[in-house]
């Protein structure tokens, strides 16, 4: 008997709606055998159907990922320990000017090798769940945030001329990308967005990604919003990576110690207004300004992570950075 022809014929009968009991009578086979034949015929037919071609997404079609990896490789070869900062949750144009001013002083003091930028760098009031502004379209929004972003990158380049600046996407940045994709001609707006991020080649656009690996450290925007965000984030990464995240605007820190090495997650503060206008006057009393610093051992598992929390005086702001006080005065 030609079993291949038999199995194909049984499958055709099944497709035509023939009951299994009639198939078993016609071919003299047990009911379980009929089930098995139909099952494997379905699997074989599925393999013959070519999978759809992957959709080419404009935000990932052209990236600086290779340039960034080459830069990171060069840094790793030149230095065993890399200083990394993550400047998250600025939310232009709802940024806090004095918090950013203190940040630039801290960056000048630390002289990091890598500054991860983006990570809710931008806010988008057109789709804000608090107070949508239907009169502001995507092009208007891009024109609005571009000067702030250029000024920010220029300030970082001034105080840390040798730092590499990779960009990661936060949930607010992702909303902007989602809004752009709704346009009838999204590629034009996407090009505008990517050119804005790159800031004349100063920033590495890595595509629509919310995290970047630097040695044994993963810098991510974050998505956990529990009261124990650092612990929950470490658990999500199965306690295998050192993690630096933002997102919650609430500094947090947690370490899991193992027999060979420990892993730590640090959640940085924010650099935006603590009560932006779209919150309708509702203050987030647990939000706090700040950033973070990591010292990455490129030859081992260990990373030293530090939360840098900003403190307010009468006319000054200050932060402790590695035992040193960095401060600014303001009116």
Protein backbone atom coordinates (compact mmCIF):
# COMPACT_ATOMS: atom_id res chain seq x y z
CA UNK A 1 0.00 0.00 0.00
CA UNK A 2 1.16 3.48 -0.82
CA UNK A 3 0.78 5.10 2.62
CA UNK A 4 1.58 8.57 1.35
CA UNK A 5 -1.33 8.46 -1.09
CA UNK A 6 -3.57 6.93 1.59
CA UNK A 7 -2.73 9.63 4.12
CA UNK A 8 -3.28 12.39 1.54
CA UNK A 9 -6.65 10.89 0.60
CA UNK A 10 -7.68 10.66 4.27
CA UNK A 11 -6.73 14.31 4.77
CA UNK A 12 -8.81 15.34 1.74
CA UNK A 13 -11.80 13.48 3.13
CA UNK A 14 -11.36 15.18 6.48
CA UNK A 15 -11.20 18.60 4.77
CA UNK A 16 -14.45 17.74 2.98
CA UNK A 17 -16.11 17.15 6.34
CA UNK A 18 -16.13 13.34 6.36
CA UNK A 19 -16.51 12.09 9.96
CA UNK A 20 -13.59 10.20 11.47
CA UNK A 21 -15.76 7.09 12.03
CA UNK A 22 -16.51 6.91 8.27
CA UNK A 23 -12.81 7.32 7.45
CA UNK A 24 -11.88 4.47 9.80
CA UNK A 25 -14.50 2.18 8.20
CA UNK A 26 -13.35 3.01 4.66
CA UNK A 27 -9.66 2.36 5.32
CA UNK A 28 -9.93 -0.19 8.13
CA UNK A 29 -7.79 1.77 10.55
CA UNK A 30 -8.23 2.56 14.27
CA UNK A 31 -9.73 5.91 15.23
CA UNK A 32 -6.44 7.02 16.85
CA UNK A 33 -4.58 6.33 13.62
CA UNK A 34 -7.01 8.54 11.70
CA UNK A 35 -6.50 11.35 14.20
CA UNK A 36 -2.71 11.00 13.91
CA UNK A 37 -2.75 10.99 10.07
CA UNK A 38 -4.84 14.17 9.93
CA UNK A 39 -2.64 15.82 12.55
CA UNK A 40 0.60 15.18 10.68
CA UNK A 41 -0.94 16.06 7.33
CA UNK A 42 -1.96 19.45 8.76
CA UNK A 43 1.58 20.01 10.04
CA UNK A 44 3.07 19.09 6.65
CA UNK A 45 0.71 21.43 4.79
CA UNK A 46 1.49 24.27 7.18
CA UNK A 47 5.21 23.96 6.44
CA UNK A 48 4.49 24.37 2.72
CA UNK A 49 2.95 27.78 3.28
CA UNK A 50 5.69 30.38 3.08
CA UNK A 51 5.77 32.74 6.05
CA UNK A 52 4.92 36.35 5.22
CA UNK A 53 7.82 38.62 4.44
CA UNK A 54 8.86 40.67 7.46
CA UNK A 55 7.45 44.17 7.48
CA UNK A 56 10.13 46.78 6.95
CA UNK A 57 9.66 49.29 9.74
CA UNK A 58 11.04 52.75 8.95
CA UNK A 59 12.42 53.26 12.46
CA UNK A 60 14.54 50.08 12.16
CA UNK A 61 15.42 50.20 8.47
CA UNK A 62 18.42 52.43 9.05
CA UNK A 63 20.17 52.60 12.41
CA UNK A 64 23.55 53.43 13.90
CA UNK A 65 23.75 50.06 15.68
CA UNK A 66 27.00 48.99 13.99
CA UNK A 67 28.64 52.37 14.63
CA UNK A 68 27.61 52.11 18.27
CA UNK A 69 28.96 48.55 18.62
CA UNK A 70 32.26 49.59 17.05
CA UNK A 71 32.49 52.51 19.49
CA UNK A 72 31.65 50.28 22.46
CA UNK A 73 34.25 47.71 21.37
CA UNK A 74 36.90 50.43 21.14
CA UNK A 75 35.97 51.72 24.61
CA UNK A 76 36.11 48.21 26.07
CA UNK A 77 39.55 47.59 24.61
CA UNK A 78 40.87 50.91 25.87
CA UNK A 79 39.42 50.74 29.40
CA UNK A 80 38.59 47.99 31.83
CA UNK A 81 36.13 50.14 33.78
CA UNK A 82 33.52 52.21 31.94
CA UNK A 83 31.57 55.04 33.56
CA UNK A 84 27.97 55.04 32.40
CA UNK A 85 25.17 57.51 33.11
CA UNK A 86 21.48 57.20 32.22
CA UNK A 87 19.66 60.52 31.81
CA UNK A 88 16.04 59.42 31.73
CA UNK A 89 12.62 61.02 31.97
CA UNK A 90 13.34 64.58 30.86
CA UNK A 91 10.00 64.83 29.02
CA UNK A 92 10.80 67.85 26.83
CA UNK A 93 9.13 70.40 26.77
CA UNK A 94 8.08 69.67 30.38
CA UNK A 95 11.67 69.51 31.65
CA UNK A 96 12.97 71.06 34.87
CA UNK A 97 15.61 73.65 34.00
CA UNK A 98 17.43 73.64 37.33
CA UNK A 99 17.47 69.83 37.47
CA UNK A 100 19.08 69.78 34.03
CA UNK A 101 21.58 72.47 35.07
CA UNK A 102 22.69 70.32 38.01
CA UNK A 103 22.83 67.30 35.70
CA UNK A 104 25.31 69.04 33.41
CA UNK A 105 27.50 69.88 36.41
CA UNK A 106 27.42 66.23 37.50
CA UNK A 107 28.27 65.04 33.99
CA UNK A 108 31.21 67.45 33.92
CA UNK A 109 32.36 66.08 37.29
CA UNK A 110 31.99 62.39 36.36
CA UNK A 111 33.20 62.56 32.73
CA UNK A 112 31.29 59.39 31.75
CA UNK A 113 32.39 57.22 28.86
CA UNK A 114 28.78 56.53 27.89
CA UNK A 115 25.66 58.64 28.47
CA UNK A 116 22.46 56.80 27.59
CA UNK A 117 19.99 59.41 26.36
CA UNK A 118 16.37 59.25 25.27
CA UNK A 119 14.29 57.11 27.65
CA UNK A 120 11.29 59.46 27.75
CA UNK A 121 13.26 62.37 26.39
CA UNK A 122 10.08 63.69 24.77
CA UNK A 123 6.47 64.15 25.72
CA UNK A 124 3.58 64.18 23.29
CA UNK A 125 0.54 66.16 24.40
CA UNK A 126 -1.49 65.14 21.35
CA UNK A 127 -1.98 61.69 22.87
CA UNK A 128 -1.45 62.48 26.53
CA UNK A 129 -4.06 60.66 28.58
CA UNK A 130 -4.33 63.70 30.84
CA UNK A 131 -5.02 66.61 28.50
CA UNK A 132 -4.87 65.88 24.76
CA UNK A 133 -4.15 68.85 22.53
CA UNK A 134 -5.89 68.02 19.24
CA UNK A 135 -4.66 71.22 17.60
CA UNK A 136 -1.01 70.16 17.82
CA UNK A 137 -0.02 67.77 15.01
CA UNK A 138 3.12 65.62 14.77
CA UNK A 139 5.09 68.10 12.66
CA UNK A 140 4.25 70.89 15.10
CA UNK A 141 5.36 68.69 17.97
CA UNK A 142 8.67 67.81 16.29
CA UNK A 143 9.32 71.47 15.56
CA UNK A 144 8.55 72.25 19.20
CA UNK A 145 10.89 69.70 20.82
CA UNK A 146 13.80 69.95 18.34
CA UNK A 147 15.36 73.14 19.83
CA UNK A 148 15.19 71.67 23.35
CA UNK A 149 16.83 68.44 22.21
CA UNK A 150 19.60 70.21 20.28
CA UNK A 151 20.33 72.45 23.26
CA UNK A 152 20.46 69.39 25.56
CA UNK A 153 22.85 67.45 23.32
CA UNK A 154 25.04 70.51 22.80
CA UNK A 155 25.24 70.98 26.58
CA UNK A 156 26.25 67.33 27.08
CA UNK A 157 28.84 67.57 24.32
CA UNK A 158 30.24 70.73 25.90
CA UNK A 159 30.76 69.19 29.37
CA UNK A 160 31.62 65.65 28.20
CA UNK A 161 33.11 65.90 24.70
CA UNK A 162 34.32 62.29 24.59
CA UNK A 163 31.17 60.53 25.80
CA UNK A 164 29.26 58.17 23.50
CA UNK A 165 25.54 58.97 23.35
CA UNK A 166 23.26 56.00 22.48
CA UNK A 167 19.50 56.65 22.35
CA UNK A 168 16.86 54.30 23.78
CA UNK A 169 13.09 54.68 23.51
CA UNK A 170 10.84 55.27 26.51
CA UNK A 171 7.09 54.73 26.64
CA UNK A 172 6.41 58.41 25.81
CA UNK A 173 8.86 58.27 22.90
CA UNK A 174 7.09 55.08 21.77
CA UNK A 175 3.79 56.96 21.80
CA UNK A 176 5.36 59.49 19.46
CA UNK A 177 6.47 56.71 17.12
CA UNK A 178 2.99 55.17 17.25
CA UNK A 179 1.43 58.52 16.37
CA UNK A 180 3.82 58.93 13.45
CA UNK A 181 2.86 55.49 12.08
CA UNK A 182 -0.77 56.61 11.87
CA UNK A 183 0.10 59.27 9.30
CA UNK A 184 -0.70 58.74 5.62
CA UNK A 185 2.99 59.23 4.74
CA UNK A 186 4.82 58.13 7.92
CA UNK A 187 8.29 57.91 6.39
CA UNK A 188 8.67 61.67 6.08
CA UNK A 189 7.79 62.28 9.73
CA UNK A 190 9.91 59.28 10.78
CA UNK A 191 12.91 60.73 8.97
CA UNK A 192 12.26 64.04 10.72
CA UNK A 193 12.14 62.24 14.09
CA UNK A 194 15.32 60.21 13.50
CA UNK A 195 17.24 63.25 12.21
CA UNK A 196 16.15 65.13 15.32
CA UNK A 197 17.38 62.34 17.61
CA UNK A 198 20.73 62.05 15.82
CA UNK A 199 21.46 65.76 16.31
CA UNK A 200 23.87 66.03 13.38
CA UNK A 201 25.53 62.71 14.16
CA UNK A 202 26.16 63.29 17.87
CA UNK A 203 23.67 60.60 19.01
CA UNK A 204 23.48 56.92 18.02
CA UNK A 205 19.97 56.03 16.81
CA UNK A 206 19.58 52.32 17.65
CA UNK A 207 16.09 51.88 16.24
CA UNK A 208 12.88 51.25 18.13
CA UNK A 209 14.58 49.68 21.15
CA UNK A 210 14.10 50.45 24.83
CA UNK A 211 17.37 48.98 26.12
CA UNK A 212 21.07 48.74 25.42
CA UNK A 213 23.72 46.39 26.82
CA UNK A 214 27.07 47.76 28.02
CA UNK A 215 29.20 44.88 29.26
CA UNK A 216 27.35 43.24 32.15
CA UNK A 217 24.98 46.21 32.49
CA UNK A 218 21.64 46.61 30.74
CA UNK A 219 20.34 50.16 30.57
CA UNK A 220 16.61 50.16 29.86
CA UNK A 221 13.73 52.57 30.14
CA UNK A 222 11.84 50.09 32.32
CA UNK A 223 8.20 49.07 32.52
CA UNK A 224 7.67 47.94 36.11
CA UNK A 225 5.70 50.37 38.27
CA UNK A 226 5.40 48.56 41.60
CA UNK A 227 6.50 49.99 44.93
CA UNK A 228 9.47 47.63 44.68
CA UNK A 229 10.43 48.42 41.10
CA UNK A 230 14.13 47.55 41.41
CA UNK A 231 13.45 44.10 42.87
CA UNK A 232 10.70 43.38 40.33
CA UNK A 233 12.93 44.44 37.43
CA UNK A 234 15.79 42.22 38.57
CA UNK A 235 13.39 39.30 38.83
CA UNK A 236 12.12 39.99 35.31
CA UNK A 237 15.71 39.60 34.08
CA UNK A 238 16.00 36.38 36.16
CA UNK A 239 18.61 38.00 38.40
CA UNK A 240 21.23 37.57 35.68
CA UNK A 241 22.00 41.19 34.73
CA UNK A 242 22.85 44.47 36.41
CA UNK A 243 20.09 46.86 35.40
CA UNK A 244 19.63 50.63 35.27
CA UNK A 245 16.12 51.88 34.51
CA UNK A 246 13.96 54.98 34.79
CA UNK A 247 10.23 55.29 34.04
CA UNK A 248 8.74 55.54 37.55
CA UNK A 249 10.40 58.89 38.51
CA UNK A 250 11.02 57.30 41.92
CA UNK A 251 14.61 56.39 42.88
CA UNK A 252 14.98 52.79 44.00
CA UNK A 253 17.80 50.28 44.55
CA UNK A 254 17.99 46.52 45.09
CA UNK A 255 20.77 43.92 45.10
CA UNK A 256 20.61 40.13 44.89
CA UNK A 257 23.73 38.42 46.16
CA UNK A 258 24.83 35.07 44.79
CA UNK A 259 27.73 32.77 45.64
CA UNK A 260 29.89 34.01 42.75
CA UNK A 261 28.73 37.58 42.19
CA UNK A 262 25.84 39.94 42.89
CA UNK A 263 23.49 41.77 40.55
CA UNK A 264 21.91 45.15 41.22
CA UNK A 265 19.10 47.22 39.80
CA UNK A 266 19.01 50.98 40.23
CA UNK A 267 15.96 53.07 39.33
CA UNK A 268 16.87 56.68 38.66
CA UNK A 269 14.87 59.79 39.39
CA UNK A 270 13.44 62.13 36.78
CA UNK A 271 14.59 65.39 35.21
CA UNK A 272 11.14 66.72 34.33
CA UNK A 273 8.77 69.01 36.15
CA UNK A 274 7.41 67.30 39.22
CA UNK A 275 3.96 68.73 38.41
CA UNK A 276 3.66 69.17 34.63
CA UNK A 277 0.63 71.12 33.43
CA UNK A 278 -1.15 68.05 32.03
CA UNK A 279 -1.36 66.56 35.53
CA UNK A 280 -4.05 69.19 36.16
CA UNK A 281 -2.44 70.33 39.41
CA UNK A 282 -2.16 66.84 40.90
CA UNK A 283 1.34 66.61 42.38
CA UNK A 284 3.24 63.34 42.49
CA UNK A 285 4.74 63.59 45.96
CA UNK A 286 6.88 60.50 45.45
CA UNK A 287 8.56 61.78 42.27
CA UNK A 288 12.11 62.97 42.81
CA UNK A 289 14.75 64.56 40.63
CA UNK A 290 17.91 62.59 40.04
CA UNK A 291 19.96 60.35 37.80
CA UNK A 292 22.36 57.41 38.18
CA UNK A 293 25.97 56.37 37.70
CA UNK A 294 27.39 52.93 36.92
CA UNK A 295 30.98 51.72 36.90
CA UNK A 296 31.05 48.68 34.62
CA UNK A 297 33.80 46.07 34.91
CA UNK A 298 34.19 45.01 31.28
CA UNK A 299 36.20 41.92 32.28
CA UNK A 300 33.85 40.57 34.95
CA UNK A 301 30.29 40.31 36.22
CA UNK A 302 30.38 43.18 38.67
CA UNK A 303 29.02 46.68 38.28
CA UNK A 304 28.94 49.42 40.91
CA UNK A 305 25.64 51.29 40.67
CA UNK A 306 24.80 54.54 42.42
CA UNK A 307 21.58 56.50 42.67
CA UNK A 308 22.28 60.22 42.42
CA UNK A 309 19.38 61.96 44.16
CA UNK A 310 19.00 65.73 43.89
CA UNK A 311 18.40 67.76 47.05
CA UNK A 312 16.89 71.24 47.34
CA UNK A 313 18.16 74.10 49.46
CA UNK A 314 16.86 77.62 49.70
CA UNK A 315 18.67 78.84 46.58
CA UNK A 316 20.63 75.79 45.58
CA UNK A 317 20.47 72.23 44.45
CA UNK A 318 23.07 69.64 45.26
CA UNK A 319 23.84 65.94 44.94
CA UNK A 320 26.44 63.57 46.37
CA UNK A 321 28.49 61.89 43.65
CA UNK A 322 31.05 59.37 44.85
CA UNK A 323 31.55 61.19 48.14
CA UNK A 324 31.84 64.60 46.45
CA UNK A 325 29.21 67.32 46.58
CA UNK A 326 28.14 68.85 43.28
CA UNK A 327 25.86 71.85 43.56
CA UNK A 328 24.41 74.81 41.74
CA UNK A 329 22.81 78.01 42.93
CA UNK A 330 19.65 79.45 41.44
CA UNK A 331 17.39 82.38 42.04
